[in-house]
Amino acid sequence: MRQTNFQVKHNEKIAENVFKMQLGGDISGIKAGQFVNILIDGLYLRRPISVCDLQDDELTIVFKVVGKGTEKLAEAVPGDMLDTLVELGNGYDLGKDFEKPLLIGGGVGVPPLYLLAKRLIALGKTPTVILGFNKQSEVFFEQEFKALGCDVRVVTVDGSYGARGFVTDVMDADYDYFFTCGPEPMLKAVYAKSKASGQFSFEERMGCGFGACMGCSCKTITGYKRICKDGPIMFKEEILW
């Protein structure tokens, strides 16, 4: 973990209550699957946001407005400086033996899978991608994944765009490993439906964001682990559900 300052380069709304922000600064040492923790003026707790993309000296984050912190973040304009903790969490393990990866994202669980897709493609393993949302107005990053060359499937709960239903309804792809990120009910459904090993990226409310407060602990086969410090990535075989 290290502290750094990022300058807002661009901030735009890309879907209902969802914003994409590009930040300039020192991105060295940051890995796919990690998150950053941003200090918001006037608020005590930092806000954890997953890393969406890294390119040159620019970090991209995508976040949903759900409260005061993200409301203020959505109001940021180019030139604003953000006090940020980086290199948080363990990141994805790409050293596993697989050839046909499947990426499954739900809502704001989609962004960290984008950088992961780029890393997998660089290894010669172009993934199939499933993106799940509640409705059409919330859909984002479909074209970005397609531009990478991924086979993309979009599903909405109300059927207003793509297939109707949940991400598990379209998990019939040919895959030998999977990566998933999204709300816990979705992760549990993927866990039950999956036919291979995989890695789960957890979304969790955090206090400190670096393992001191134990506020985001979850039970595993080896005892309680902290989502912020020991995660947010955990392997299917260690999760107790």
C-alpha atoms as a PDB file:
ATOM      1  CA  MET A   1       0.000   0.000   0.000  1.00  0.00           C
ATOM      2  CA  ARG A   2       1.166   3.524  -0.749  1.00  0.00           C
ATOM      3  CA  GLN A   3      -0.358   6.976  -0.764  1.00  0.00           C
ATOM      4  CA  THR A   4      -0.298   9.149  -3.870  1.00  0.00           C
ATOM      5  CA  ASN A   5      -2.191  12.040  -5.450  1.00  0.00           C
ATOM      6  CA  PHE A   6      -4.033  11.689  -8.727  1.00  0.00           C
ATOM      7  CA  GLN A   7      -5.262  14.515 -10.922  1.00  0.00           C
ATOM      8  CA  VAL A   8      -8.682  14.179 -12.501  1.00  0.00           C
ATOM      9  CA  LYS A   9      -8.286  14.174 -16.283  1.00  0.00           C
ATOM     10  CA  HIS A  10     -11.814  13.278 -17.327  1.00  0.00           C
ATOM     11  CA  ASN A  11     -15.068  12.410 -15.589  1.00  0.00           C
ATOM     12  CA  GLU A  12     -18.219  11.396 -17.456  1.00  0.00           C
ATOM     13  CA  LYS A  13     -21.517   9.635 -16.892  1.00  0.00           C
ATOM     14  CA  ILE A  14     -21.637   6.414 -18.947  1.00  0.00           C
ATOM     15  CA  ALA A  15     -24.847   4.782 -17.667  1.00  0.00           C
ATOM     16  CA  GLU A  16     -27.593   5.398 -15.113  1.00  0.00           C
ATOM     17  CA  ASN A  17     -25.784   6.627 -11.965  1.00  0.00           C
ATOM     18  CA  VAL A  18     -22.477   5.225 -13.295  1.00  0.00           C
ATOM     19  CA  PHE A  19     -19.400   7.382 -13.931  1.00  0.00           C
ATOM     20  CA  LYS A  20     -16.066   6.741 -15.618  1.00  0.00           C
ATOM     21  CA  MET A  21     -13.127   8.772 -14.306  1.00  0.00           C
ATOM     22  CA  GLN A  22      -9.601   8.958 -15.711  1.00  0.00           C
ATOM     23  CA  LEU A  23      -6.855   9.960 -13.294  1.00  0.00           C
ATOM     24  CA  GLY A  24      -3.295  10.999 -14.051  1.00  0.00           C
ATOM     25  CA  GLY A  25      -0.435  10.032 -11.749  1.00  0.00           C
ATOM     26  CA  ASP A  26       1.936   7.289 -10.648  1.00  0.00           C
ATOM     27  CA  ILE A  27       0.350   3.948 -11.510  1.00  0.00           C
ATOM     28  CA  SER A  28       3.450   1.821 -10.948  1.00  0.00           C
ATOM     29  CA  GLY A  29       2.897  -1.354  -8.939  1.00  0.00           C
ATOM     30  CA  ILE A  30      -0.889  -1.441  -9.400  1.00  0.00           C
ATOM     31  CA  LYS A  31      -2.285  -4.808 -10.550  1.00  0.00           C
ATOM     32  CA  ALA A  32      -5.500  -6.035 -12.146  1.00  0.00           C
ATOM     33  CA  GLY A  33      -8.017  -6.934  -9.453  1.00  0.00           C
ATOM     34  CA  GLN A  34      -6.712  -4.455  -6.902  1.00  0.00           C
ATOM     35  CA  PHE A  35      -8.597  -1.380  -5.704  1.00  0.00           C
ATOM     36  CA  VAL A  36      -7.839   2.195  -4.701  1.00  0.00           C
ATOM     37  CA  ASN A  37      -9.154   4.036  -1.650  1.00  0.00           C
ATOM     38  CA  ILE A  38     -10.014   7.676  -2.286  1.00  0.00           C
ATOM     39  CA  LEU A  39     -10.261  10.424   0.326  1.00  0.00           C
ATOM     40  CA  ILE A  40     -13.369  12.558  -0.160  1.00  0.00           C
ATOM     41  CA  ASP A  41     -13.338  16.109   1.224  1.00  0.00           C
ATOM     42  CA  GLY A  42     -15.556  16.432   4.300  1.00  0.00           C
ATOM     43  CA  LEU A  43     -15.940  12.681   4.862  1.00  0.00           C
ATOM     44  CA  TYR A  44     -14.015  10.556   7.356  1.00  0.00           C
ATOM     45  CA  LEU A  45     -13.882   7.215   5.553  1.00  0.00           C
ATOM     46  CA  ARG A  46     -12.220   6.790   2.190  1.00  0.00           C
ATOM     47  CA  ARG A  47     -14.190   5.213  -0.668  1.00  0.00           C
ATOM     48  CA  PRO A  48     -12.840   1.952  -2.171  1.00  0.00           C
ATOM     49  CA  ILE A  49     -13.096   1.777  -5.973  1.00  0.00           C
ATOM     50  CA  SER A  50     -11.844  -1.091  -8.147  1.00  0.00           C
ATOM     51  CA  VAL A  51      -9.157  -0.535 -10.759  1.00  0.00           C
ATOM     52  CA  CYS A  52     -10.738  -0.611 -14.220  1.00  0.00           C
ATOM     53  CA  ASP A  53      -7.797   0.168 -16.503  1.00  0.00           C
ATOM     54  CA  LEU A  54      -4.154   1.234 -16.501  1.00  0.00           C
ATOM     55  CA  GLN A  55      -2.464   2.865 -19.459  1.00  0.00           C
ATOM     56  CA  ASP A  56       0.661   5.023 -19.679  1.00  0.00           C
ATOM     57  CA  ASP A  57       0.405   7.268 -16.591  1.00  0.00           C
ATOM     58  CA  GLU A  58      -3.373   7.042 -16.328  1.00  0.00           C
ATOM     59  CA  LEU A  59      -5.680   5.107 -14.014  1.00  0.00           C
ATOM     60  CA  THR A  60      -9.331   4.553 -14.944  1.00  0.00           C
ATOM     61  CA  ILE A  61     -12.031   3.872 -12.375  1.00  0.00           C
ATOM     62  CA  VAL A  62     -15.752   3.278 -12.886  1.00  0.00           C
ATOM     63  CA  PHE A  63     -18.114   3.800  -9.980  1.00  0.00           C
ATOM     64  CA  LYS A  64     -21.811   3.993  -9.183  1.00  0.00           C
ATOM     65  CA  VAL A  65     -23.333   6.855  -7.208  1.00  0.00           C
ATOM     66  CA  VAL A  66     -24.820   5.240  -4.106  1.00  0.00           C
ATOM     67  CA  GLY A  67     -24.237   7.791  -1.336  1.00  0.00           C
ATOM     68  CA  LYS A  68     -22.598  11.044  -0.271  1.00  0.00           C
ATOM     69  CA  GLY A  69     -19.054   9.938  -1.078  1.00  0.00           C
ATOM     70  CA  THR A  70     -19.717   8.812  -4.621  1.00  0.00           C
ATOM     71  CA  GLU A  71     -22.018  11.805  -5.168  1.00  0.00           C
ATOM     72  CA  LYS A  72     -19.086  14.107  -4.427  1.00  0.00           C
ATOM     73  CA  LEU A  73     -16.761  12.005  -6.572  1.00  0.00           C
ATOM     74  CA  ALA A  74     -19.183  12.306  -9.479  1.00  0.00           C
ATOM     75  CA  GLU A  75     -18.905  16.101  -9.202  1.00  0.00           C
ATOM     76  CA  ALA A  76     -15.115  16.099  -9.645  1.00  0.00           C
ATOM     77  CA  VAL A  77     -13.818  18.113 -12.597  1.00  0.00           C
ATOM     78  CA  PRO A  78     -10.545  18.032 -14.576  1.00  0.00           C
ATOM     79  CA  GLY A  79      -7.736  19.474 -12.493  1.00  0.00           C
ATOM     80  CA  ASP A  80      -9.072  18.308  -9.138  1.00  0.00           C
ATOM     81  CA  MET A  81      -6.562  16.377  -7.012  1.00  0.00           C
ATOM     82  CA  LEU A  82      -7.521  13.182  -5.182  1.00  0.00           C
ATOM     83  CA  ASP A  83      -5.602  11.823  -2.178  1.00  0.00           C
ATOM     84  CA  THR A  84      -5.526   8.092  -2.936  1.00  0.00           C
ATOM     85  CA  LEU A  85      -4.225   4.878  -1.396  1.00  0.00           C
ATOM     86  CA  VAL A  86      -3.131   2.427  -4.111  1.00  0.00           C
ATOM     87  CA  GLU A  87      -1.866  -1.155  -4.462  1.00  0.00           C
ATOM     88  CA  LEU A  88      -4.636  -2.387  -2.150  1.00  0.00           C
ATOM     89  CA  GLY A  89      -5.792  -6.010  -2.224  1.00  0.00           C
ATOM     90  CA  ASN A  90      -4.172  -9.072  -3.718  1.00  0.00           C
ATOM     91  CA  GLY A  91      -5.203  -8.871  -7.395  1.00  0.00           C
ATOM     92  CA  TYR A  92      -5.965 -11.724  -9.792  1.00  0.00           C
ATOM     93  CA  ASP A  93      -3.734 -14.796  -9.985  1.00  0.00           C
ATOM     94  CA  LEU A  94      -3.045 -15.391 -13.687  1.00  0.00           C
ATOM     95  CA  GLY A  95      -0.625 -18.239 -13.089  1.00  0.00           C
ATOM     96  CA  LYS A  96      -3.310 -20.938 -13.104  1.00  0.00           C
ATOM     97  CA  ASP A  97      -3.522 -23.569 -15.858  1.00  0.00           C
ATOM     98  CA  PHE A  98      -6.402 -22.709 -18.181  1.00  0.00           C
ATOM     99  CA  GLU A  99      -7.002 -21.897 -21.842  1.00  0.00           C
ATOM    100  CA  LYS A 100     -10.653 -20.799 -22.097  1.00  0.00           C
ATOM    101  CA  PRO A 101     -11.402 -18.164 -19.431  1.00  0.00           C
ATOM    102  CA  LEU A 102     -14.915 -16.892 -18.739  1.00  0.00           C
ATOM    103  CA  LEU A 103     -15.423 -13.456 -17.152  1.00  0.00           C
ATOM    104  CA  ILE A 104     -18.724 -12.802 -15.339  1.00  0.00           C
ATOM    105  CA  GLY A 105     -19.538  -9.318 -14.102  1.00  0.00           C
ATOM    106  CA  GLY A 106     -22.612  -7.841 -12.474  1.00  0.00           C
ATOM    107  CA  GLY A 107     -23.219  -4.073 -12.340  1.00  0.00           C
ATOM    108  CA  VAL A 108     -20.210  -2.242 -10.919  1.00  0.00           C
ATOM    109  CA  GLY A 109     -18.512  -5.626 -10.692  1.00  0.00           C
ATOM    110  CA  VAL A 110     -17.858  -5.241 -14.428  1.00  0.00           C
ATOM    111  CA  PRO A 111     -15.014  -2.638 -14.368  1.00  0.00           C
ATOM    112  CA  PRO A 112     -12.208  -4.740 -12.786  1.00  0.00           C
ATOM    113  CA  LEU A 113     -12.826  -7.429 -15.407  1.00  0.00           C
ATOM    114  CA  TYR A 114     -11.858  -5.023 -18.197  1.00  0.00           C
ATOM    115  CA  LEU A 115      -8.202  -4.737 -17.204  1.00  0.00           C
ATOM    116  CA  LEU A 116      -8.226  -8.478 -16.483  1.00  0.00           C
ATOM    117  CA  ALA A 117      -9.454  -9.131 -20.045  1.00  0.00           C
ATOM    118  CA  LYS A 118      -6.562  -7.081 -21.422  1.00  0.00           C
ATOM    119  CA  ARG A 119      -4.076  -9.021 -19.311  1.00  0.00           C
ATOM    120  CA  LEU A 120      -5.532 -12.370 -20.422  1.00  0.00           C
ATOM    121  CA  ILE A 121      -5.451 -11.367 -24.083  1.00  0.00           C
ATOM    122  CA  ALA A 122      -1.802 -10.405 -23.689  1.00  0.00           C
ATOM    123  CA  LEU A 123      -1.251 -14.003 -22.528  1.00  0.00           C
ATOM    124  CA  GLY A 124      -2.994 -15.331 -25.651  1.00  0.00           C
ATOM    125  CA  LYS A 125      -6.242 -16.250 -23.842  1.00  0.00           C
ATOM    126  CA  THR A 126      -9.142 -14.185 -25.198  1.00  0.00           C
ATOM    127  CA  PRO A 127     -12.062 -14.595 -22.761  1.00  0.00           C
ATOM    128  CA  THR A 128     -15.787 -14.938 -23.184  1.00  0.00           C
ATOM    129  CA  VAL A 129     -17.490 -12.167 -21.189  1.00  0.00           C
ATOM    130  CA  ILE A 130     -20.915 -12.129 -19.519  1.00  0.00           C
ATOM    131  CA  LEU A 131     -22.213  -8.748 -18.354  1.00  0.00           C
ATOM    132  CA  GLY A 132     -25.272  -8.620 -16.097  1.00  0.00           C
ATOM    133  CA  PHE A 133     -27.428  -5.589 -15.292  1.00  0.00           C
ATOM    134  CA  ASN A 134     -30.917  -4.837 -14.008  1.00  0.00           C
ATOM    135  CA  LYS A 135     -32.056  -2.901 -17.092  1.00  0.00           C
ATOM    136  CA  GLN A 136     -30.873  -1.337 -20.351  1.00  0.00           C
ATOM    137  CA  SER A 137     -30.147   2.105 -18.875  1.00  0.00           C
ATOM    138  CA  GLU A 138     -27.527   0.528 -16.602  1.00  0.00           C
ATOM    139  CA  VAL A 139     -25.594  -1.288 -19.349  1.00  0.00           C
ATOM    140  CA  PHE A 140     -22.016  -0.179 -19.945  1.00  0.00           C
ATOM    141  CA  PHE A 141     -18.700  -1.444 -21.360  1.00  0.00           C
ATOM    142  CA  GLU A 142     -20.271  -3.873 -23.843  1.00  0.00           C
ATOM    143  CA  GLN A 143     -18.533  -2.174 -26.768  1.00  0.00           C
ATOM    144  CA  GLU A 144     -15.259  -1.809 -24.867  1.00  0.00           C
ATOM    145  CA  PHE A 145     -15.023  -5.562 -24.325  1.00  0.00           C
ATOM    146  CA  LYS A 146     -16.010  -6.245 -27.928  1.00  0.00           C
ATOM    147  CA  ALA A 147     -13.267  -3.881 -29.088  1.00  0.00           C
ATOM    148  CA  LEU A 148     -10.775  -6.133 -27.302  1.00  0.00           C
ATOM    149  CA  GLY A 149     -12.024  -9.077 -29.360  1.00  0.00           C
ATOM    150  CA  CYS A 150     -14.044 -10.758 -26.605  1.00  0.00           C
ATOM    151  CA  ASP A 151     -17.224 -12.732 -27.193  1.00  0.00           C
ATOM    152  CA  VAL A 152     -19.666 -10.636 -25.131  1.00  0.00           C
ATOM    153  CA  ARG A 153     -23.053 -11.672 -23.775  1.00  0.00           C
ATOM    154  CA  VAL A 154     -25.281  -9.102 -22.074  1.00  0.00           C
ATOM    155  CA  VAL A 155     -28.170 -10.051 -19.813  1.00  0.00           C
ATOM    156  CA  THR A 156     -30.708  -7.818 -18.048  1.00  0.00           C
ATOM    157  CA  VAL A 157     -33.094  -8.848 -15.301  1.00  0.00           C
ATOM    158  CA  ASP A 158     -36.080  -7.156 -16.981  1.00  0.00           C
ATOM    159  CA  GLY A 159     -35.155  -8.260 -20.502  1.00  0.00           C
ATOM    160  CA  SER A 160     -34.945  -4.681 -21.814  1.00  0.00           C
ATOM    161  CA  TYR A 161     -31.573  -5.427 -23.429  1.00  0.00           C
ATOM    162  CA  GLY A 162     -29.787  -8.620 -24.354  1.00  0.00           C
ATOM    163  CA  ALA A 163     -31.041 -11.852 -22.833  1.00  0.00           C
ATOM    164  CA  ARG A 164     -33.618 -11.796 -20.041  1.00  0.00           C
ATOM    165  CA  GLY A 165     -32.601 -13.138 -16.651  1.00  0.00           C
ATOM    166  CA  PHE A 166     -29.378 -13.487 -14.693  1.00  0.00           C
ATOM    167  CA  VAL A 167     -25.739 -14.112 -15.590  1.00  0.00           C
ATOM    168  CA  THR A 168     -26.128 -17.761 -14.582  1.00  0.00           C
ATOM    169  CA  ASP A 169     -28.777 -18.196 -17.300  1.00  0.00           C
ATOM    170  CA  VAL A 170     -26.144 -17.711 -20.020  1.00  0.00           C
ATOM    171  CA  MET A 171     -23.234 -19.594 -18.413  1.00  0.00           C
ATOM    172  CA  ASP A 172     -23.333 -22.254 -21.141  1.00  0.00           C
ATOM    173  CA  ALA A 173     -20.076 -21.081 -22.711  1.00  0.00           C
ATOM    174  CA  ASP A 174     -17.184 -23.467 -23.248  1.00  0.00           C
ATOM    175  CA  TYR A 175     -14.795 -22.518 -20.442  1.00  0.00           C
ATOM    176  CA  ASP A 176     -12.225 -24.212 -18.220  1.00  0.00           C
ATOM    177  CA  TYR A 177     -11.764 -21.397 -15.680  1.00  0.00           C
ATOM    178  CA  PHE A 178     -13.703 -18.304 -14.639  1.00  0.00           C
ATOM    179  CA  PHE A 179     -13.307 -14.936 -12.945  1.00  0.00           C
ATOM    180  CA  THR A 180     -16.301 -13.146 -11.468  1.00  0.00           C
ATOM    181  CA  CYS A 181     -17.100  -9.897  -9.673  1.00  0.00           C
ATOM    182  CA  GLY A 182     -20.413  -8.535  -8.487  1.00  0.00           C
ATOM    183  CA  PRO A 183     -22.892  -8.460  -5.595  1.00  0.00           C
ATOM    184  CA  GLU A 184     -22.756 -11.423  -3.208  1.00  0.00           C
ATOM    185  CA  PRO A 185     -26.099 -12.993  -4.303  1.00  0.00           C
ATOM    186  CA  MET A 186     -24.728 -13.129  -7.856  1.00  0.00           C
ATOM    187  CA  LEU A 187     -21.418 -14.587  -6.669  1.00  0.00           C
ATOM    188  CA  LYS A 188     -23.238 -17.306  -4.724  1.00  0.00           C
ATOM    189  CA  ALA A 189     -25.303 -18.177  -7.807  1.00  0.00           C
ATOM    190  CA  VAL A 190     -22.186 -18.359  -9.978  1.00  0.00           C
ATOM    191  CA  TYR A 191     -20.509 -20.534  -7.339  1.00  0.00           C
ATOM    192  CA  ALA A 192     -23.420 -23.000  -7.451  1.00  0.00           C
ATOM    193  CA  LYS A 193     -23.694 -23.046 -11.254  1.00  0.00           C
ATOM    194  CA  SER A 194     -20.005 -23.082 -12.183  1.00  0.00           C
ATOM    195  CA  LYS A 195     -18.478 -26.233 -13.664  1.00  0.00           C
ATOM    196  CA  ALA A 196     -14.813 -25.290 -13.245  1.00  0.00           C
ATOM    197  CA  SER A 197     -12.484 -23.614 -10.788  1.00  0.00           C
ATOM    198  CA  GLY A 198     -12.325 -19.854 -10.598  1.00  0.00           C
ATOM    199  CA  GLN A 199     -11.633 -16.643  -8.726  1.00  0.00           C
ATOM    200  CA  PHE A 200     -14.204 -14.432  -7.000  1.00  0.00           C
ATOM    201  CA  SER A 201     -13.728 -10.692  -6.559  1.00  0.00           C
ATOM    202  CA  PHE A 202     -15.818  -9.519  -3.604  1.00  0.00           C
ATOM    203  CA  GLU A 203     -17.601  -6.194  -3.255  1.00  0.00           C
ATOM    204  CA  GLU A 204     -17.798  -5.225   0.413  1.00  0.00           C
ATOM    205  CA  ARG A 205     -18.293  -2.133   2.540  1.00  0.00           C
ATOM    206  CA  MET A 206     -14.957  -1.288   4.140  1.00  0.00           C
ATOM    207  CA  GLY A 207     -13.796   0.756   7.080  1.00  0.00           C
ATOM    208  CA  CYS A 208     -10.053   1.221   6.814  1.00  0.00           C
ATOM    209  CA  GLY A 209      -9.488  -0.584   3.511  1.00  0.00           C
ATOM    210  CA  PHE A 210      -6.119  -2.076   4.487  1.00  0.00           C
ATOM    211  CA  GLY A 211      -6.823  -4.772   7.072  1.00  0.00           C
ATOM    212  CA  ALA A 212      -6.693  -2.982  10.405  1.00  0.00           C
ATOM    213  CA  CYS A 213     -10.341  -2.834  11.433  1.00  0.00           C
ATOM    214  CA  MET A 214     -11.542  -6.370  10.486  1.00  0.00           C
ATOM    215  CA  GLY A 215     -14.831  -4.838   9.348  1.00  0.00           C
ATOM    216  CA  CYS A 216     -14.971  -6.731   6.056  1.00  0.00           C
ATOM    217  CA  SER A 217     -14.090 -10.263   7.202  1.00  0.00           C
ATOM    218  CA  CYS A 218     -15.566 -13.398   5.680  1.00  0.00           C
ATOM    219  CA  LYS A 219     -15.317 -17.086   6.600  1.00  0.00           C
ATOM    220  CA  THR A 220     -13.134 -19.439   4.552  1.00  0.00           C
ATOM    221  CA  ILE A 221     -11.825 -22.994   4.948  1.00  0.00           C
ATOM    222  CA  THR A 222      -8.748 -21.578   6.702  1.00  0.00           C
ATOM    223  CA  GLY A 223     -10.655 -19.199   8.985  1.00  0.00           C
ATOM    224  CA  TYR A 224     -11.747 -15.613   8.633  1.00  0.00           C
ATOM    225  CA  LYS A 225     -10.138 -13.499   5.916  1.00  0.00           C
ATOM    226  CA  ARG A 226     -10.320  -9.758   5.333  1.00  0.00           C
ATOM    227  CA  ILE A 227     -11.759  -8.780   1.951  1.00  0.00           C
ATOM    228  CA  CYS A 228      -9.601  -5.656   1.784  1.00  0.00           C
ATOM    229  CA  LYS A 229      -6.282  -7.226   2.822  1.00  0.00           C
ATOM    230  CA  ASP A 230      -6.506 -10.953   2.052  1.00  0.00           C
ATOM    231  CA  GLY A 231      -8.880 -10.377  -0.876  1.00  0.00           C
ATOM    232  CA  PRO A 232     -10.758  -9.000  -2.673  1.00  0.00           C
ATOM    233  CA  ILE A 233      -9.870 -12.005  -4.850  1.00  0.00           C
ATOM    234  CA  MET A 234     -10.582 -15.436  -3.383  1.00  0.00           C
ATOM    235  CA  PHE A 235     -10.493 -18.888  -4.948  1.00  0.00           C
ATOM    236  CA  LYS A 236     -13.619 -20.985  -5.350  1.00  0.00           C
ATOM    237  CA  GLU A 237     -12.110 -23.824  -3.314  1.00  0.00           C
ATOM    238  CA  GLU A 238     -11.538 -21.713  -0.201  1.00  0.00           C
ATOM    239  CA  ILE A 239     -14.969 -20.052   0.022  1.00  0.00           C
ATOM    240  CA  LEU A 240     -17.519 -21.427   2.514  1.00  0.00           C
ATOM    241  CA  TRP A 241     -21.050 -21.105   1.153  1.00  0.00           C
END
